[in-house]
Amino acid sequence: MNNEKYNQIIDEVYEKYKKHIETQQDIQKKEVQRLRSQGKRVRVVKIILLTKEEFITKCKTDVEFSERCGLRIEVRELSLEERNQWFHINWNANNPTMKSDWKFYELDQQNVPTKLIKITYNNEKIEVYE
């Protein structure tokens, strides 16, 4: 459920970002044409549209950019204790006799998430494990 909501939010914010950039590119193009038609020399700084992956990375690493987009993405590594807790809740809950103090490599073999991603958008907070 949270993964679906995460993807939905990312898609929504990226589409808004994409429309904003495309609008800015159109405005810039018209302004350059107008100035050139007046015989003026124009130096153009190209407005680049980030790919969705680049956009997500920039939101994770650039606080100012993420604030402008209204999307905050925080990523942190899970501790061994947190990973064990996740495993117990999600895989081990029906078997109380199963060991609960797995090592990192054992948790990796069980495909237990290593990261917690928190996103905040429109005062809504979502947590996703990766």
N, C-alpha and C. Protein backbone atom coordinates (compact mmCIF):
# COMPACT_ATOMS: atom_id res chain seq x y z
N MET A 1 0.83 -1.21 0.00
CA MET A 1 0.00 0.00 0.00
C MET A 1 0.86 1.26 0.00
N ASN A 2 1.84 1.31 0.91
CA ASN A 2 2.69 2.50 0.98
C ASN A 2 3.52 2.67 -0.29
N ASN A 3 3.96 1.56 -0.89
CA ASN A 3 4.72 1.66 -2.14
C ASN A 3 3.87 2.27 -3.24
N GLU A 4 2.61 1.89 -3.31
CA GLU A 4 1.71 2.46 -4.31
C GLU A 4 1.53 3.96 -4.08
N LYS A 5 1.32 4.33 -2.83
CA LYS A 5 1.13 5.75 -2.49
C LYS A 5 2.41 6.54 -2.78
N TYR A 6 3.55 5.95 -2.45
CA TYR A 6 4.84 6.57 -2.73
C TYR A 6 4.98 6.86 -4.22
N ASN A 7 4.73 5.84 -5.04
CA ASN A 7 4.83 6.00 -6.49
C ASN A 7 3.82 7.02 -7.02
N GLN A 8 2.63 7.02 -6.46
CA GLN A 8 1.60 7.98 -6.87
C GLN A 8 2.05 9.41 -6.58
N ILE A 9 2.59 9.63 -5.40
CA ILE A 9 3.06 10.97 -5.03
C ILE A 9 4.22 11.40 -5.91
N ILE A 10 5.19 10.51 -6.10
CA ILE A 10 6.34 10.84 -6.95
C ILE A 10 5.87 11.18 -8.36
N ASP A 11 4.97 10.37 -8.91
CA ASP A 11 4.45 10.64 -10.26
C ASP A 11 3.76 11.99 -10.33
N GLU A 12 2.93 12.30 -9.33
CA GLU A 12 2.19 13.56 -9.31
C GLU A 12 3.14 14.76 -9.25
N VAL A 13 4.11 14.71 -8.34
CA VAL A 13 5.04 15.83 -8.19
C VAL A 13 5.93 15.97 -9.42
N TYR A 14 6.36 14.84 -9.98
CA TYR A 14 7.20 14.90 -11.17
C TYR A 14 6.44 15.51 -12.35
N GLU A 15 5.18 15.15 -12.51
CA GLU A 15 4.37 15.72 -13.59
C GLU A 15 4.22 17.23 -13.43
N LYS A 16 4.01 17.70 -12.19
CA LYS A 16 3.93 19.15 -11.95
C LYS A 16 5.26 19.82 -12.29
N TYR A 17 6.36 19.19 -11.87
CA TYR A 17 7.69 19.71 -12.16
C TYR A 17 7.91 19.78 -13.68
N LYS A 18 7.54 18.70 -14.37
CA LYS A 18 7.72 18.60 -15.82
C LYS A 18 6.95 19.70 -16.54
N LYS A 19 5.69 19.92 -16.15
CA LYS A 19 4.88 20.98 -16.76
C LYS A 19 5.49 22.35 -16.51
N HIS A 20 6.00 22.56 -15.29
CA HIS A 20 6.63 23.84 -14.95
C HIS A 20 7.85 24.09 -15.84
N ILE A 21 8.69 23.08 -15.98
CA ILE A 21 9.89 23.23 -16.81
C ILE A 21 9.52 23.47 -18.27
N GLU A 22 8.55 22.73 -18.78
CA GLU A 22 8.13 22.92 -20.16
C GLU A 22 7.57 24.33 -20.38
N THR A 23 6.84 24.84 -19.42
CA THR A 23 6.33 26.22 -19.49
C THR A 23 7.48 27.21 -19.51
N GLN A 24 8.45 27.00 -18.64
CA GLN A 24 9.60 27.89 -18.59
C GLN A 24 10.39 27.85 -19.89
N GLN A 25 10.52 26.66 -20.48
CA GLN A 25 11.22 26.53 -21.77
C GLN A 25 10.47 27.30 -22.87
N ASP A 26 9.15 27.19 -22.88
CA ASP A 26 8.34 27.92 -23.88
C ASP A 26 8.48 29.43 -23.70
N ILE A 27 8.41 29.90 -22.48
CA ILE A 27 8.56 31.34 -22.19
C ILE A 27 9.93 31.81 -22.66
N GLN A 28 10.96 31.04 -22.33
CA GLN A 28 12.32 31.41 -22.72
C GLN A 28 12.46 31.46 -24.24
N LYS A 29 11.91 30.47 -24.92
CA LYS A 29 12.00 30.42 -26.39
C LYS A 29 11.35 31.65 -27.02
N LYS A 30 10.15 32.01 -26.53
CA LYS A 30 9.45 33.18 -27.06
C LYS A 30 10.22 34.47 -26.79
N GLU A 31 10.80 34.57 -25.61
CA GLU A 31 11.56 35.78 -25.25
C GLU A 31 12.82 35.90 -26.11
N VAL A 32 13.49 34.78 -26.34
CA VAL A 32 14.69 34.79 -27.18
C VAL A 32 14.31 35.21 -28.60
N GLN A 33 13.23 34.65 -29.13
CA GLN A 33 12.78 35.02 -30.48
C GLN A 33 12.44 36.50 -30.55
N ARG A 34 11.78 37.02 -29.54
CA ARG A 34 11.40 38.43 -29.51
C ARG A 34 12.64 39.31 -29.52
N LEU A 35 13.60 38.98 -28.66
CA LEU A 35 14.82 39.80 -28.58
C LEU A 35 15.64 39.71 -29.86
N ARG A 36 15.73 38.53 -30.44
CA ARG A 36 16.49 38.36 -31.68
C ARG A 36 15.82 39.10 -32.84
N SER A 37 14.50 39.14 -32.83
CA SER A 37 13.78 39.87 -33.89
C SER A 37 14.05 41.37 -33.79
N GLN A 38 14.47 41.82 -32.62
CA GLN A 38 14.83 43.23 -32.43
C GLN A 38 16.32 43.46 -32.72
N GLY A 39 16.99 42.39 -33.17
CA GLY A 39 18.40 42.51 -33.53
C GLY A 39 19.34 42.41 -32.34
N LYS A 40 18.84 42.01 -31.22
CA LYS A 40 19.68 41.89 -30.02
C LYS A 40 20.33 40.52 -29.97
N ARG A 41 21.56 40.52 -29.45
CA ARG A 41 22.26 39.26 -29.23
C ARG A 41 21.80 38.70 -27.89
N VAL A 42 21.55 37.42 -27.88
CA VAL A 42 21.02 36.79 -26.67
C VAL A 42 21.87 35.58 -26.29
N ARG A 43 22.25 35.55 -25.04
CA ARG A 43 22.94 34.37 -24.51
C ARG A 43 21.90 33.55 -23.75
N VAL A 44 21.74 32.30 -24.16
CA VAL A 44 20.69 31.46 -23.60
C VAL A 44 21.30 30.43 -22.65
N VAL A 45 20.74 30.38 -21.45
CA VAL A 45 21.08 29.33 -20.51
C VAL A 45 19.96 28.30 -20.63
N LYS A 46 20.31 27.16 -21.14
CA LYS A 46 19.30 26.14 -21.43
C LYS A 46 18.66 25.62 -20.14
N ILE A 47 17.35 25.56 -20.16
CA ILE A 47 16.59 25.01 -19.04
C ILE A 47 16.43 23.51 -19.30
N ILE A 48 16.99 22.71 -18.42
CA ILE A 48 17.04 21.27 -18.64
C ILE A 48 15.98 20.57 -17.80
N LEU A 49 15.27 19.64 -18.43
CA LEU A 49 14.30 18.81 -17.76
C LEU A 49 15.01 17.57 -17.23
N LEU A 50 14.95 17.38 -15.91
CA LEU A 50 15.56 16.19 -15.31
C LEU A 50 14.70 14.96 -15.60
N THR A 51 15.36 13.80 -15.72
CA THR A 51 14.60 12.56 -15.81
C THR A 51 13.96 12.31 -14.45
N LYS A 52 13.02 11.41 -14.39
CA LYS A 52 12.36 11.11 -13.12
C LYS A 52 13.39 10.66 -12.07
N GLU A 53 14.33 9.82 -12.47
CA GLU A 53 15.36 9.34 -11.54
C GLU A 53 16.24 10.48 -11.05
N GLU A 54 16.63 11.37 -11.97
CA GLU A 54 17.43 12.53 -11.58
C GLU A 54 16.64 13.44 -10.65
N PHE A 55 15.35 13.60 -10.93
CA PHE A 55 14.47 14.42 -10.11
C PHE A 55 14.41 13.87 -8.68
N ILE A 56 14.21 12.57 -8.55
CA ILE A 56 14.14 11.93 -7.23
C ILE A 56 15.45 12.11 -6.48
N THR A 57 16.56 11.88 -7.17
CA THR A 57 17.88 12.04 -6.55
C THR A 57 18.09 13.47 -6.08
N LYS A 58 17.70 14.43 -6.92
CA LYS A 58 17.87 15.85 -6.55
C LYS A 58 17.00 16.20 -5.34
N CYS A 59 15.79 15.65 -5.27
CA CYS A 59 14.93 15.90 -4.11
C CYS A 59 15.55 15.32 -2.84
N LYS A 60 16.26 14.20 -2.97
CA LYS A 60 16.90 13.57 -1.82
C LYS A 60 18.11 14.34 -1.34
N THR A 61 18.82 14.99 -2.27
CA THR A 61 20.12 15.58 -1.94
C THR A 61 20.14 17.11 -1.87
N ASP A 62 19.14 17.76 -2.44
CA ASP A 62 19.13 19.23 -2.51
C ASP A 62 17.89 19.76 -1.79
N VAL A 63 18.07 20.21 -0.57
CA VAL A 63 16.96 20.66 0.27
C VAL A 63 16.21 21.82 -0.37
N GLU A 64 16.95 22.78 -0.92
CA GLU A 64 16.32 23.95 -1.55
C GLU A 64 15.43 23.53 -2.72
N PHE A 65 15.94 22.63 -3.55
CA PHE A 65 15.17 22.14 -4.69
C PHE A 65 13.92 21.40 -4.21
N SER A 66 14.08 20.53 -3.22
CA SER A 66 12.92 19.76 -2.75
C SER A 66 11.87 20.66 -2.13
N GLU A 67 12.29 21.73 -1.47
CA GLU A 67 11.32 22.68 -0.90
C GLU A 67 10.54 23.39 -2.00
N ARG A 68 11.23 23.75 -3.08
CA ARG A 68 10.55 24.39 -4.21
C ARG A 68 9.51 23.46 -4.83
N CYS A 69 9.82 22.17 -4.83
CA CYS A 69 8.90 21.18 -5.42
C CYS A 69 7.81 20.77 -4.43
N GLY A 70 7.99 21.11 -3.15
CA GLY A 70 7.02 20.73 -2.13
C GLY A 70 7.09 19.27 -1.75
N LEU A 71 8.22 18.64 -2.04
CA LEU A 71 8.40 17.22 -1.78
C LEU A 71 9.69 17.01 -1.01
N ARG A 72 9.58 16.38 0.14
CA ARG A 72 10.79 16.09 0.92
C ARG A 72 10.98 14.58 0.93
N ILE A 73 12.18 14.14 0.58
CA ILE A 73 12.51 12.71 0.57
C ILE A 73 13.73 12.51 1.46
N GLU A 74 13.55 11.72 2.50
CA GLU A 74 14.64 11.41 3.41
C GLU A 74 14.92 9.91 3.34
N VAL A 75 16.19 9.56 3.22
CA VAL A 75 16.58 8.16 3.14
C VAL A 75 17.62 7.90 4.22
N ARG A 76 17.43 6.79 4.94
CA ARG A 76 18.44 6.41 5.93
C ARG A 76 18.57 4.90 5.98
N GLU A 77 19.76 4.46 6.35
CA GLU A 77 20.04 3.03 6.49
C GLU A 77 19.39 2.52 7.77
N LEU A 78 18.85 1.32 7.70
CA LEU A 78 18.27 0.69 8.87
C LEU A 78 19.37 0.00 9.68
N SER A 79 19.24 0.07 10.99
CA SER A 79 20.20 -0.61 11.86
C SER A 79 19.91 -2.11 11.85
N LEU A 80 20.82 -2.87 12.39
CA LEU A 80 20.62 -4.32 12.49
C LEU A 80 19.38 -4.61 13.33
N GLU A 81 19.22 -3.89 14.39
CA GLU A 81 18.04 -4.07 15.26
C GLU A 81 16.74 -3.77 14.51
N GLU A 82 16.73 -2.69 13.74
CA GLU A 82 15.53 -2.32 12.97
C GLU A 82 15.22 -3.36 11.90
N ARG A 83 16.26 -3.87 11.27
CA ARG A 83 16.05 -4.89 10.24
C ARG A 83 15.51 -6.18 10.86
N ASN A 84 16.03 -6.56 12.02
CA ASN A 84 15.52 -7.72 12.73
C ASN A 84 14.07 -7.52 13.13
N GLN A 85 13.76 -6.34 13.59
CA GLN A 85 12.38 -6.02 13.99
C GLN A 85 11.45 -6.10 12.77
N TRP A 86 11.88 -5.54 11.64
CA TRP A 86 11.08 -5.61 10.43
C TRP A 86 10.85 -7.07 10.04
N PHE A 87 11.92 -7.87 10.08
CA PHE A 87 11.81 -9.28 9.71
C PHE A 87 10.82 -10.00 10.63
N HIS A 88 10.92 -9.74 11.92
CA HIS A 88 10.03 -10.39 12.87
C HIS A 88 8.57 -10.02 12.61
N ILE A 89 8.30 -8.76 12.34
CA ILE A 89 6.93 -8.30 12.11
C ILE A 89 6.39 -8.81 10.78
N ASN A 90 7.20 -8.78 9.73
CA ASN A 90 6.72 -9.08 8.39
C ASN A 90 6.88 -10.52 7.94
N TRP A 91 7.82 -11.26 8.54
CA TRP A 91 8.05 -12.63 8.09
C TRP A 91 7.91 -13.64 9.21
N ASN A 92 8.21 -13.23 10.40
CA ASN A 92 8.41 -14.15 11.49
C ASN A 92 7.29 -14.12 12.53
N ALA A 93 6.29 -13.29 12.32
CA ALA A 93 5.27 -13.06 13.35
C ALA A 93 4.51 -14.32 13.75
N ASN A 94 4.32 -15.24 12.82
CA ASN A 94 3.57 -16.45 13.12
C ASN A 94 4.43 -17.58 13.68
N ASN A 95 5.69 -17.33 13.87
CA ASN A 95 6.58 -18.37 14.37
C ASN A 95 7.45 -17.81 15.50
N PRO A 96 6.94 -17.77 16.71
CA PRO A 96 7.67 -17.17 17.83
C PRO A 96 8.92 -17.94 18.22
N THR A 97 9.07 -19.19 17.75
CA THR A 97 10.26 -19.96 18.11
C THR A 97 11.43 -19.69 17.17
N MET A 98 11.16 -19.02 16.06
CA MET A 98 12.23 -18.69 15.11
C MET A 98 13.17 -17.66 15.74
N LYS A 99 14.43 -17.78 15.43
CA LYS A 99 15.40 -16.85 16.02
C LYS A 99 15.10 -15.41 15.61
N SER A 100 15.49 -14.48 16.46
CA SER A 100 15.16 -13.07 16.20
C SER A 100 16.40 -12.18 16.18
N ASP A 101 17.56 -12.76 16.18
CA ASP A 101 18.79 -11.96 16.19
C ASP A 101 19.67 -12.32 15.00
N TRP A 102 19.14 -12.07 13.83
CA TRP A 102 19.84 -12.36 12.59
C TRP A 102 21.00 -11.40 12.38
N LYS A 103 21.98 -11.85 11.65
CA LYS A 103 23.13 -11.01 11.27
C LYS A 103 22.79 -10.32 9.94
N PHE A 104 23.57 -9.28 9.61
CA PHE A 104 23.32 -8.54 8.37
C PHE A 104 23.25 -9.46 7.15
N TYR A 105 24.24 -10.33 7.00
CA TYR A 105 24.27 -11.18 5.80
C TYR A 105 23.07 -12.12 5.76
N GLU A 106 22.59 -12.57 6.92
CA GLU A 106 21.41 -13.45 6.96
C GLU A 106 20.16 -12.67 6.54
N LEU A 107 20.06 -11.44 7.00
CA LEU A 107 18.93 -10.60 6.62
C LEU A 107 18.98 -10.26 5.13
N ASP A 108 20.19 -10.05 4.62
CA ASP A 108 20.34 -9.81 3.18
C ASP A 108 19.85 -11.01 2.37
N GLN A 109 20.16 -12.20 2.85
CA GLN A 109 19.72 -13.42 2.17
C GLN A 109 18.21 -13.56 2.18
N GLN A 110 17.56 -12.98 3.17
CA GLN A 110 16.10 -13.03 3.28
C GLN A 110 15.43 -11.83 2.59
N ASN A 111 16.24 -11.01 1.92
CA ASN A 111 15.74 -9.81 1.22
C ASN A 111 15.02 -8.84 2.15
N VAL A 112 15.55 -8.70 3.35
CA VAL A 112 15.00 -7.73 4.30
C VAL A 112 15.51 -6.35 3.90
N PRO A 113 14.62 -5.36 3.87
CA PRO A 113 15.03 -4.00 3.45
C PRO A 113 16.21 -3.47 4.25
N THR A 114 16.99 -2.62 3.58
CA THR A 114 18.16 -2.01 4.22
C THR A 114 17.98 -0.52 4.46
N LYS A 115 16.94 0.07 3.83
CA LYS A 115 16.74 1.52 3.93
C LYS A 115 15.29 1.84 4.26
N LEU A 116 15.13 2.96 4.94
CA LEU A 116 13.81 3.53 5.20
C LEU A 116 13.75 4.84 4.43
N ILE A 117 12.72 4.98 3.60
CA ILE A 117 12.51 6.21 2.84
C ILE A 117 11.27 6.88 3.39
N LYS A 118 11.41 8.13 3.81
CA LYS A 118 10.27 8.92 4.29
C LYS A 118 10.04 10.05 3.31
N ILE A 119 8.80 10.17 2.85
CA ILE A 119 8.48 11.31 1.99
C ILE A 119 7.37 12.12 2.65
N THR A 120 7.46 13.42 2.45
CA THR A 120 6.46 14.34 2.96
C THR A 120 6.00 15.18 1.79
N TYR A 121 4.67 15.20 1.60
CA TYR A 121 4.08 15.96 0.50
C TYR A 121 2.68 16.38 0.93
N ASN A 122 2.38 17.66 0.82
CA ASN A 122 1.07 18.20 1.24
C ASN A 122 0.70 17.75 2.65
N ASN A 123 1.63 17.86 3.57
CA ASN A 123 1.43 17.47 4.97
C ASN A 123 1.10 15.99 5.15
N GLU A 124 1.34 15.19 4.14
CA GLU A 124 1.14 13.75 4.23
C GLU A 124 2.51 13.09 4.29
N LYS A 125 2.67 12.16 5.22
CA LYS A 125 3.94 11.47 5.38
C LYS A 125 3.77 9.99 5.08
N ILE A 126 4.69 9.46 4.28
CA ILE A 126 4.66 8.06 3.87
C ILE A 126 6.04 7.46 4.19
N GLU A 127 6.04 6.24 4.71
CA GLU A 127 7.28 5.51 4.94
C GLU A 127 7.28 4.29 4.04
N VAL A 128 8.41 4.08 3.37
CA VAL A 128 8.58 2.96 2.48
C VAL A 128 9.93 2.30 2.80
N TYR A 129 9.93 0.99 2.81
CA TYR A 129 11.18 0.25 3.03
C TYR A 129 11.74 -0.22 1.70
N GLU A 130 13.05 -0.14 1.59
CA GLU A 130 13.72 -0.54 0.35
C GLU A 130 14.90 -1.43 0.68
